[in-house]
Amino acid sequence: GSYTKSERDVLYCVVAKSELIRLKNLVTTVDPH
């Protein structure tokens, strides 16, 4: 992070187009921020 000056993991995954809403909802359920 250039602003925080700290290392962190960035998650990457590939999903079908039809699964995109489900992925967004899942992520925001765990971490709204």
PDB file of all heavy atoms in Angstrom:
ATOM      1  N   GLY A   1       0.814  -1.203   0.000  1.00  0.00           N
ATOM      2  CA  GLY A   1       0.000   0.000   0.000  1.00  0.00           C
ATOM      3  C   GLY A   1       0.849   1.255   0.000  1.00  0.00           C
ATOM      4  O   GLY A   1       1.600   1.501   0.946  1.00  0.00           O
ATOM      5  N   SER A   2       0.760   2.025  -1.066  1.00  0.00           N
ATOM      6  CA  SER A   2       1.572   3.243  -1.163  1.00  0.00           C
ATOM      7  C   SER A   2       1.185   4.263  -0.097  1.00  0.00           C
ATOM      8  O   SER A   2       2.025   5.025   0.390  1.00  0.00           O
ATOM      9  CB  SER A   2       1.418   3.876  -2.553  1.00  0.00           C
ATOM     10  OG  SER A   2       1.946   3.034  -3.545  1.00  0.00           O
ATOM     11  N   TYR A   3      -0.086   4.291   0.271  1.00  0.00           N
ATOM     12  CA  TYR A   3      -0.539   5.258   1.279  1.00  0.00           C
ATOM     13  C   TYR A   3      -0.205   4.776   2.688  1.00  0.00           C
ATOM     14  O   TYR A   3       0.329   5.533   3.511  1.00  0.00           O
ATOM     15  CB  TYR A   3      -2.040   5.484   1.138  1.00  0.00           C
ATOM     16  CG  TYR A   3      -2.602   6.461   2.146  1.00  0.00           C
ATOM     17  CD1 TYR A   3      -2.400   7.832   1.992  1.00  0.00           C
ATOM     18  CD2 TYR A   3      -3.337   6.007   3.244  1.00  0.00           C
ATOM     19  CE1 TYR A   3      -2.898   8.732   2.920  1.00  0.00           C
ATOM     20  CE2 TYR A   3      -3.846   6.897   4.174  1.00  0.00           C
ATOM     21  CZ  TYR A   3      -3.625   8.265   4.004  1.00  0.00           C
ATOM     22  OH  TYR A   3      -4.128   9.143   4.935  1.00  0.00           O
ATOM     23  N   THR A   4      -0.512   3.490   2.957  1.00  0.00           N
ATOM     24  CA  THR A   4      -0.285   2.964   4.310  1.00  0.00           C
ATOM     25  C   THR A   4       1.165   2.546   4.545  1.00  0.00           C
ATOM     26  O   THR A   4       1.577   2.345   5.683  1.00  0.00           O
ATOM     27  CB  THR A   4      -1.182   1.740   4.557  1.00  0.00           C
ATOM     28  OG1 THR A   4      -0.847   0.705   3.611  1.00  0.00           O
ATOM     29  CG2 THR A   4      -2.661   2.103   4.404  1.00  0.00           C
ATOM     30  N   LYS A   5       1.931   2.399   3.452  1.00  0.00           N
ATOM     31  CA  LYS A   5       3.337   1.954   3.537  1.00  0.00           C
ATOM     32  C   LYS A   5       3.455   0.580   4.193  1.00  0.00           C
ATOM     33  O   LYS A   5       4.422   0.291   4.894  1.00  0.00           O
ATOM     34  CB  LYS A   5       4.190   2.959   4.322  1.00  0.00           C
ATOM     35  CG  LYS A   5       4.112   4.395   3.829  1.00  0.00           C
ATOM     36  CD  LYS A   5       4.603   4.528   2.406  1.00  0.00           C
ATOM     37  CE  LYS A   5       4.549   5.987   1.941  1.00  0.00           C
ATOM     38  NZ  LYS A   5       4.921   6.144   0.520  1.00  0.00           N
ATOM     39  N   SER A   6       2.475  -0.266   3.945  1.00  0.00           N
ATOM     40  CA  SER A   6       2.503  -1.607   4.543  1.00  0.00           C
ATOM     41  C   SER A   6       2.173  -2.658   3.499  1.00  0.00           C
ATOM     42  O   SER A   6       1.462  -2.386   2.528  1.00  0.00           O
ATOM     43  CB  SER A   6       1.496  -1.700   5.701  1.00  0.00           C
ATOM     44  OG  SER A   6       0.186  -1.460   5.220  1.00  0.00           O
ATOM     45  N   GLU A   7       2.708  -3.871   3.720  1.00  0.00           N
ATOM     46  CA  GLU A   7       2.418  -4.989   2.819  1.00  0.00           C
ATOM     47  C   GLU A   7       1.108  -5.650   3.219  1.00  0.00           C
ATOM     48  O   GLU A   7       0.769  -5.735   4.398  1.00  0.00           O
ATOM     49  CB  GLU A   7       3.553  -6.022   2.863  1.00  0.00           C
ATOM     50  CG  GLU A   7       4.836  -5.546   2.212  1.00  0.00           C
ATOM     51  CD  GLU A   7       5.849  -6.670   2.065  1.00  0.00           C
ATOM     52  OE1 GLU A   7       5.547  -7.786   2.549  1.00  0.00           O
ATOM     53  OE2 GLU A   7       6.902  -6.435   1.466  1.00  0.00           O
ATOM     54  N   ARG A   8       0.383  -6.107   2.195  1.00  0.00           N
ATOM     55  CA  ARG A   8      -0.854  -6.828   2.482  1.00  0.00           C
ATOM     56  C   ARG A   8      -1.179  -7.719   1.297  1.00  0.00           C
ATOM     57  O   ARG A   8      -0.700  -7.490   0.179  1.00  0.00           O
ATOM     58  CB  ARG A   8      -1.992  -5.852   2.749  1.00  0.00           C
ATOM     59  CG  ARG A   8      -2.376  -5.000   1.561  1.00  0.00           C
ATOM     60  CD  ARG A   8      -3.283  -3.849   1.954  1.00  0.00           C
ATOM     61  NE  ARG A   8      -4.388  -4.304   2.782  1.00  0.00           N
ATOM     62  CZ  ARG A   8      -5.184  -3.471   3.448  1.00  0.00           C
ATOM     63  NH1 ARG A   8      -4.971  -2.163   3.393  1.00  0.00           N
ATOM     64  NH2 ARG A   8      -6.192  -3.930   4.156  1.00  0.00           N
ATOM     65  N   ASP A   9      -1.992  -8.738   1.549  1.00  0.00           N
ATOM     66  CA  ASP A   9      -2.408  -9.637   0.477  1.00  0.00           C
ATOM     67  C   ASP A   9      -3.555  -9.026  -0.323  1.00  0.00           C
ATOM     68  O   ASP A   9      -4.432  -8.353   0.216  1.00  0.00           O
ATOM     69  CB  ASP A   9      -2.860 -10.984   1.050  1.00  0.00           C
ATOM     70  CG  ASP A   9      -1.692 -11.837   1.505  1.00  0.00           C
ATOM     71  OD1 ASP A   9      -0.554 -11.545   1.094  1.00  0.00           O
ATOM     72  OD2 ASP A   9      -1.912 -12.786   2.286  1.00  0.00           O
ATOM     73  N   VAL A  10      -3.511  -9.275  -1.635  1.00  0.00           N
ATOM     74  CA  VAL A  10      -4.613  -8.910  -2.521  1.00  0.00           C
ATOM     75  C   VAL A  10      -5.175 -10.211  -3.072  1.00  0.00           C
ATOM     76  O   VAL A  10      -4.445 -11.018  -3.652  1.00  0.00           O
ATOM     77  CB  VAL A  10      -4.137  -8.010  -3.679  1.00  0.00           C
ATOM     78  CG1 VAL A  10      -5.301  -7.692  -4.606  1.00  0.00           C
ATOM     79  CG2 VAL A  10      -3.509  -6.728  -3.141  1.00  0.00           C
ATOM     80  N   LEU A  11      -6.461 -10.457  -2.866  1.00  0.00           N
ATOM     81  CA  LEU A  11      -7.085 -11.689  -3.341  1.00  0.00           C
ATOM     82  C   LEU A  11      -7.520 -11.535  -4.795  1.00  0.00           C
ATOM     83  O   LEU A  11      -8.021 -10.477  -5.198  1.00  0.00           O
ATOM     84  CB  LEU A  11      -8.300 -12.044  -2.483  1.00  0.00           C
ATOM     85  CG  LEU A  11      -8.069 -12.213  -0.981  1.00  0.00           C
ATOM     86  CD1 LEU A  11      -9.377 -12.578  -0.289  1.00  0.00           C
ATOM     87  CD2 LEU A  11      -7.006 -13.274  -0.710  1.00  0.00           C
ATOM     88  N   TYR A  12      -7.316 -12.608  -5.561  1.00  0.00           N
ATOM     89  CA  TYR A  12      -7.755 -12.597  -6.961  1.00  0.00           C
ATOM     90  C   TYR A  12      -8.502 -13.884  -7.246  1.00  0.00           C
ATOM     91  O   TYR A  12      -8.042 -14.990  -6.911  1.00  0.00           O
ATOM     92  CB  TYR A  12      -6.562 -12.478  -7.910  1.00  0.00           C
ATOM     93  CG  TYR A  12      -6.971 -12.491  -9.376  1.00  0.00           C
ATOM     94  CD1 TYR A  12      -7.591 -11.384  -9.947  1.00  0.00           C
ATOM     95  CD2 TYR A  12      -6.755 -13.610 -10.177  1.00  0.00           C
ATOM     96  CE1 TYR A  12      -7.975 -11.374 -11.271  1.00  0.00           C
ATOM     97  CE2 TYR A  12      -7.146 -13.621 -11.507  1.00  0.00           C
ATOM     98  CZ  TYR A  12      -7.752 -12.497 -12.050  1.00  0.00           C
ATOM     99  OH  TYR A  12      -8.150 -12.506 -13.366  1.00  0.00           O
ATOM    100  N   CYS A  13      -9.673 -13.753  -7.849  1.00  0.00           N
ATOM    101  CA  CYS A  13     -10.421 -14.951  -8.255  1.00  0.00           C
ATOM    102  C   CYS A  13     -11.202 -14.646  -9.525  1.00  0.00           C
ATOM    103  O   CYS A  13     -11.502 -13.488  -9.829  1.00  0.00           O
ATOM    104  CB  CYS A  13     -11.342 -15.445  -7.143  1.00  0.00           C
ATOM    105  SG  CYS A  13     -12.726 -14.362  -6.787  1.00  0.00           S
ATOM    106  N   VAL A  14     -11.513 -15.694 -10.245  1.00  0.00           N
ATOM    107  CA  VAL A  14     -12.276 -15.581 -11.489  1.00  0.00           C
ATOM    108  C   VAL A  14     -13.571 -16.353 -11.322  1.00  0.00           C
ATOM    109  O   VAL A  14     -13.560 -17.510 -10.873  1.00  0.00           O
ATOM    110  CB  VAL A  14     -11.474 -16.138 -12.692  1.00  0.00           C
ATOM    111  CG1 VAL A  14     -12.307 -16.065 -13.963  1.00  0.00           C
ATOM    112  CG2 VAL A  14     -10.172 -15.364 -12.864  1.00  0.00           C
ATOM    113  N   VAL A  15     -14.687 -15.712 -11.666  1.00  0.00           N
ATOM    114  CA  VAL A  15     -15.996 -16.357 -11.548  1.00  0.00           C
ATOM    115  C   VAL A  15     -16.769 -16.172 -12.843  1.00  0.00           C
ATOM    116  O   VAL A  15     -16.432 -15.313 -13.667  1.00  0.00           O
ATOM    117  CB  VAL A  15     -16.814 -15.762 -10.374  1.00  0.00           C
ATOM    118  CG1 VAL A  15     -16.098 -15.980  -9.055  1.00  0.00           C
ATOM    119  CG2 VAL A  15     -17.095 -14.278 -10.593  1.00  0.00           C
ATOM    120  N   ALA A  16     -17.793 -16.984 -13.018  1.00  0.00           N
ATOM    121  CA  ALA A  16     -18.673 -16.803 -14.174  1.00  0.00           C
ATOM    122  C   ALA A  16     -19.452 -15.501 -14.015  1.00  0.00           C
ATOM    123  O   ALA A  16     -19.675 -15.024 -12.897  1.00  0.00           O
ATOM    124  CB  ALA A  16     -19.640 -17.979 -14.279  1.00  0.00           C
ATOM    125  N   LYS A  17     -19.857 -14.916 -15.141  1.00  0.00           N
ATOM    126  CA  LYS A  17     -20.580 -13.646 -15.097  1.00  0.00           C
ATOM    127  C   LYS A  17     -21.837 -13.755 -14.239  1.00  0.00           C
ATOM    128  O   LYS A  17     -22.184 -12.822 -13.515  1.00  0.00           O
ATOM    129  CB  LYS A  17     -20.936 -13.227 -16.531  1.00  0.00           C
ATOM    130  CG  LYS A  17     -21.586 -11.872 -16.638  1.00  0.00           C
ATOM    131  CD  LYS A  17     -21.608 -11.367 -18.073  1.00  0.00           C
ATOM    132  CE  LYS A  17     -22.360 -12.290 -18.999  1.00  0.00           C
ATOM    133  NZ  LYS A  17     -22.466 -11.747 -20.378  1.00  0.00           N
ATOM    134  N   SER A  18     -22.497 -14.907 -14.301  1.00  0.00           N
ATOM    135  CA  SER A  18     -23.726 -15.106 -13.538  1.00  0.00           C
ATOM    136  C   SER A  18     -23.472 -15.199 -12.039  1.00  0.00           C
ATOM    137  O   SER A  18     -24.405 -15.086 -11.236  1.00  0.00           O
ATOM    138  CB  SER A  18     -24.438 -16.375 -14.017  1.00  0.00           C
ATOM    139  OG  SER A  18     -23.587 -17.509 -13.855  1.00  0.00           O
ATOM    140  N   GLU A  19     -22.214 -15.415 -11.632  1.00  0.00           N
ATOM    141  CA  GLU A  19     -21.875 -15.549 -10.211  1.00  0.00           C
ATOM    142  C   GLU A  19     -21.394 -14.239  -9.589  1.00  0.00           C
ATOM    143  O   GLU A  19     -21.088 -14.188  -8.395  1.00  0.00           O
ATOM    144  CB  GLU A  19     -20.776 -16.599 -10.028  1.00  0.00           C
ATOM    145  CG  GLU A  19     -21.150 -17.998 -10.461  1.00  0.00           C
ATOM    146  CD  GLU A  19     -19.973 -18.970 -10.369  1.00  0.00           C
ATOM    147  OE1 GLU A  19     -18.881 -18.639 -10.888  1.00  0.00           O
ATOM    148  OE2 GLU A  19     -20.156 -20.051  -9.774  1.00  0.00           O
ATOM    149  N   LEU A  20     -21.332 -13.182 -10.382  1.00  0.00           N
ATOM    150  CA  LEU A  20     -20.716 -11.942  -9.928  1.00  0.00           C
ATOM    151  C   LEU A  20     -21.469 -11.320  -8.748  1.00  0.00           C
ATOM    152  O   LEU A  20     -20.853 -10.903  -7.756  1.00  0.00           O
ATOM    153  CB  LEU A  20     -20.634 -10.943 -11.085  1.00  0.00           C
ATOM    154  CG  LEU A  20     -19.943  -9.620 -10.786  1.00  0.00           C
ATOM    155  CD1 LEU A  20     -18.521  -9.852 -10.303  1.00  0.00           C
ATOM    156  CD2 LEU A  20     -19.937  -8.732 -12.031  1.00  0.00           C
ATOM    157  N   ILE A  21     -22.807 -11.235  -8.830  1.00  0.00           N
ATOM    158  CA  ILE A  21     -23.599 -10.648  -7.744  1.00  0.00           C
ATOM    159  C   ILE A  21     -23.408 -11.447  -6.461  1.00  0.00           C
ATOM    160  O   ILE A  21     -23.263 -10.880  -5.373  1.00  0.00           O
ATOM    161  CB  ILE A  21     -25.095 -10.594  -8.127  1.00  0.00           C
ATOM    162  CG1 ILE A  21     -25.299  -9.714  -9.365  1.00  0.00           C
ATOM    163  CG2 ILE A  21     -25.922 -10.074  -6.958  1.00  0.00           C
ATOM    164  CD1 ILE A  21     -24.847  -8.290  -9.177  1.00  0.00           C
ATOM    165  N   ARG A  22     -23.394 -12.764  -6.605  1.00  0.00           N
ATOM    166  CA  ARG A  22     -23.203 -13.630  -5.430  1.00  0.00           C
ATOM    167  C   ARG A  22     -21.844 -13.358  -4.780  1.00  0.00           C
ATOM    168  O   ARG A  22     -21.723 -13.309  -3.558  1.00  0.00           O
ATOM    169  CB  ARG A  22     -23.313 -15.097  -5.853  1.00  0.00           C
ATOM    170  CG  ARG A  22     -23.270 -16.071  -4.691  1.00  0.00           C
ATOM    171  CD  ARG A  22     -23.361 -17.496  -5.180  1.00  0.00           C
ATOM    172  NE  ARG A  22     -23.183 -18.436  -4.093  1.00  0.00           N
ATOM    173  CZ  ARG A  22     -22.922 -19.730  -4.259  1.00  0.00           C
ATOM    174  NH1 ARG A  22     -22.819 -20.232  -5.496  1.00  0.00           N
ATOM    175  NH2 ARG A  22     -22.770 -20.523  -3.211  1.00  0.00           N
ATOM    176  N   LEU A  23     -20.804 -13.174  -5.615  1.00  0.00           N
ATOM    177  CA  LEU A  23     -19.462 -12.892  -5.094  1.00  0.00           C
ATOM    178  C   LEU A  23     -19.452 -11.567  -4.337  1.00  0.00           C
ATOM    179  O   LEU A  23     -18.907 -11.469  -3.227  1.00  0.00           O
ATOM    180  CB  LEU A  23     -18.459 -12.848  -6.241  1.00  0.00           C
ATOM    181  CG  LEU A  23     -17.034 -12.419  -5.860  1.00  0.00           C
ATOM    182  CD1 LEU A  23     -16.366 -13.493  -5.008  1.00  0.00           C
ATOM    183  CD2 LEU A  23     -16.195 -12.143  -7.098  1.00  0.00           C
ATOM    184  N   LYS A  24     -20.047 -10.526  -4.921  1.00  0.00           N
ATOM    185  CA  LYS A  24     -20.077  -9.215  -4.266  1.00  0.00           C
ATOM    186  C   LYS A  24     -20.792  -9.296  -2.923  1.00  0.00           C
ATOM    187  O   LYS A  24     -20.336  -8.733  -1.912  1.00  0.00           O
ATOM    188  CB  LYS A  24     -20.776  -8.189  -5.165  1.00  0.00           C
ATOM    189  CG  LYS A  24     -20.008  -7.788  -6.405  1.00  0.00           C
ATOM    190  CD  LYS A  24     -20.838  -6.784  -7.205  1.00  0.00           C
ATOM    191  CE  LYS A  24     -20.140  -6.360  -8.476  1.00  0.00           C
ATOM    192  NZ  LYS A  24     -20.963  -5.420  -9.278  1.00  0.00           N
ATOM    193  N   ASN A  25     -21.944  -9.979  -2.914  1.00  0.00           N
ATOM    194  CA  ASN A  25     -22.704 -10.096  -1.674  1.00  0.00           C
ATOM    195  C   ASN A  25     -21.920 -10.846  -0.606  1.00  0.00           C
ATOM    196  O   ASN A  25     -21.936 -10.479   0.573  1.00  0.00           O
ATOM    197  CB  ASN A  25     -24.037 -10.809  -1.931  1.00  0.00           C
ATOM    198  CG  ASN A  25     -24.996  -9.966  -2.748  1.00  0.00           C
ATOM    199  OD1 ASN A  25     -24.878  -8.744  -2.797  1.00  0.00           O
ATOM    200  ND2 ASN A  25     -25.943 -10.614  -3.403  1.00  0.00           N
ATOM    201  N   LEU A  26     -21.224 -11.889  -1.042  1.00  0.00           N
ATOM    202  CA  LEU A  26     -20.434 -12.685  -0.096  1.00  0.00           C
ATOM    203  C   LEU A  26     -19.324 -11.843   0.526  1.00  0.00           C
ATOM    204  O   LEU A  26     -19.107 -11.865   1.736  1.00  0.00           O
ATOM    205  CB  LEU A  26     -19.864 -13.911  -0.818  1.00  0.00           C
ATOM    206  CG  LEU A  26     -19.141 -14.970   0.014  1.00  0.00           C
ATOM    207  CD1 LEU A  26     -19.287 -16.335  -0.645  1.00  0.00           C
ATOM    208  CD2 LEU A  26     -17.658 -14.646   0.147  1.00  0.00           C
ATOM    209  N   VAL A  27     -18.622 -11.071  -0.303  1.00  0.00           N
ATOM    210  CA  VAL A  27     -17.512 -10.246   0.192  1.00  0.00           C
ATOM    211  C   VAL A  27     -18.024  -9.179   1.156  1.00  0.00           C
ATOM    212  O   VAL A  27     -17.454  -8.983   2.245  1.00  0.00           O
ATOM    213  CB  VAL A  27     -16.751  -9.590  -0.977  1.00  0.00           C
ATOM    214  CG1 VAL A  27     -15.714  -8.595  -0.452  1.00  0.00           C
ATOM    215  CG2 VAL A  27     -16.062 -10.649  -1.818  1.00  0.00           C
ATOM    216  N   THR A  28     -19.098  -8.486   0.760  1.00  0.00           N
ATOM    217  CA  THR A  28     -19.601  -7.407   1.620  1.00  0.00           C
ATOM    218  C   THR A  28     -20.209  -7.939   2.921  1.00  0.00           C
ATOM    219  O   THR A  28     -20.224  -7.230   3.930  1.00  0.00           O
ATOM    220  CB  THR A  28     -20.654  -6.563   0.879  1.00  0.00           C
ATOM    221  OG1 THR A  28     -21.677  -7.421   0.348  1.00  0.00           O
ATOM    222  CG2 THR A  28     -20.012  -5.790  -0.265  1.00  0.00           C
ATOM    223  N   THR A  29     -20.709  -9.185   2.888  1.00  0.00           N
ATOM    224  CA  THR A  29     -21.224  -9.793   4.118  1.00  0.00           C
ATOM    225  C   THR A  29     -20.097  -9.999   5.129  1.00  0.00           C
ATOM    226  O   THR A  29     -20.262  -9.756   6.320  1.00  0.00           O
ATOM    227  CB  THR A  29     -21.899 -11.145   3.809  1.00  0.00           C
ATOM    228  OG1 THR A  29     -22.998 -10.939   2.926  1.00  0.00           O
ATOM    229  CG2 THR A  29     -22.391 -11.809   5.081  1.00  0.00           C
ATOM    230  N   VAL A  30     -18.944 -10.436   4.642  1.00  0.00           N
ATOM    231  CA  VAL A  30     -17.791 -10.664   5.519  1.00  0.00           C
ATOM    232  C   VAL A  30     -17.133  -9.348   5.906  1.00  0.00           C
ATOM    233  O   VAL A  30     -16.782  -9.122   7.069  1.00  0.00           O
ATOM    234  CB  VAL A  30     -16.752 -11.581   4.817  1.00  0.00           C
ATOM    235  CG1 VAL A  30     -15.505 -11.750   5.689  1.00  0.00           C
ATOM    236  CG2 VAL A  30     -17.366 -12.938   4.504  1.00  0.00           C
ATOM    237  N   ASP A  31     -16.949  -8.466   4.921  1.00  0.00           N
ATOM    238  CA  ASP A  31     -16.274  -7.191   5.179  1.00  0.00           C
ATOM    239  C   ASP A  31     -16.932  -6.088   4.347  1.00  0.00           C
ATOM    240  O   ASP A  31     -16.614  -5.919   3.169  1.00  0.00           O
ATOM    241  CB  ASP A  31     -14.782  -7.304   4.835  1.00  0.00           C
ATOM    242  CG  ASP A  31     -14.027  -6.023   5.142  1.00  0.00           C
ATOM    243  OD1 ASP A  31     -14.643  -5.076   5.682  1.00  0.00           O
ATOM    244  OD2 ASP A  31     -12.819  -5.961   4.831  1.00  0.00           O
ATOM    245  N   PRO A  32     -17.850  -5.326   4.954  1.00  0.00           N
ATOM    246  CA  PRO A  32     -18.549  -4.262   4.214  1.00  0.00           C
ATOM    247  C   PRO A  32     -17.611  -3.177   3.706  1.00  0.00           C
ATOM    248  O   PRO A  32     -17.979  -2.413   2.800  1.00  0.00           O
ATOM    249  CB  PRO A  32     -19.512  -3.685   5.263  1.00  0.00           C
ATOM    250  CG  PRO A  32     -19.628  -4.734   6.315  1.00  0.00           C
ATOM    251  CD  PRO A  32     -18.302  -5.437   6.342  1.00  0.00           C
ATOM    252  N   HIS A  33     -16.400  -3.083   4.247  1.00  0.00           N
ATOM    253  CA  HIS A  33     -15.455  -2.045   3.853  1.00  0.00           C
ATOM    254  C   HIS A  33     -14.404  -2.542   2.852  1.00  0.00           C
ATOM    255  O   HIS A  33     -13.456  -1.814   2.553  1.00  0.00           O
ATOM    256  CB  HIS A  33     -14.759  -1.481   5.096  1.00  0.00           C
ATOM    257  CG  HIS A  33     -15.705  -0.967   6.143  1.00  0.00           C
ATOM    258  ND1 HIS A  33     -16.474   0.152   5.959  1.00  0.00           N
ATOM    259  CD2 HIS A  33     -16.039  -1.470   7.367  1.00  0.00           C
ATOM    260  CE1 HIS A  33     -17.226   0.358   7.030  1.00  0.00           C
ATOM    261  NE2 HIS A  33     -16.991  -0.608   7.901  1.00  0.00           N
TER     262      HIS A  33
END
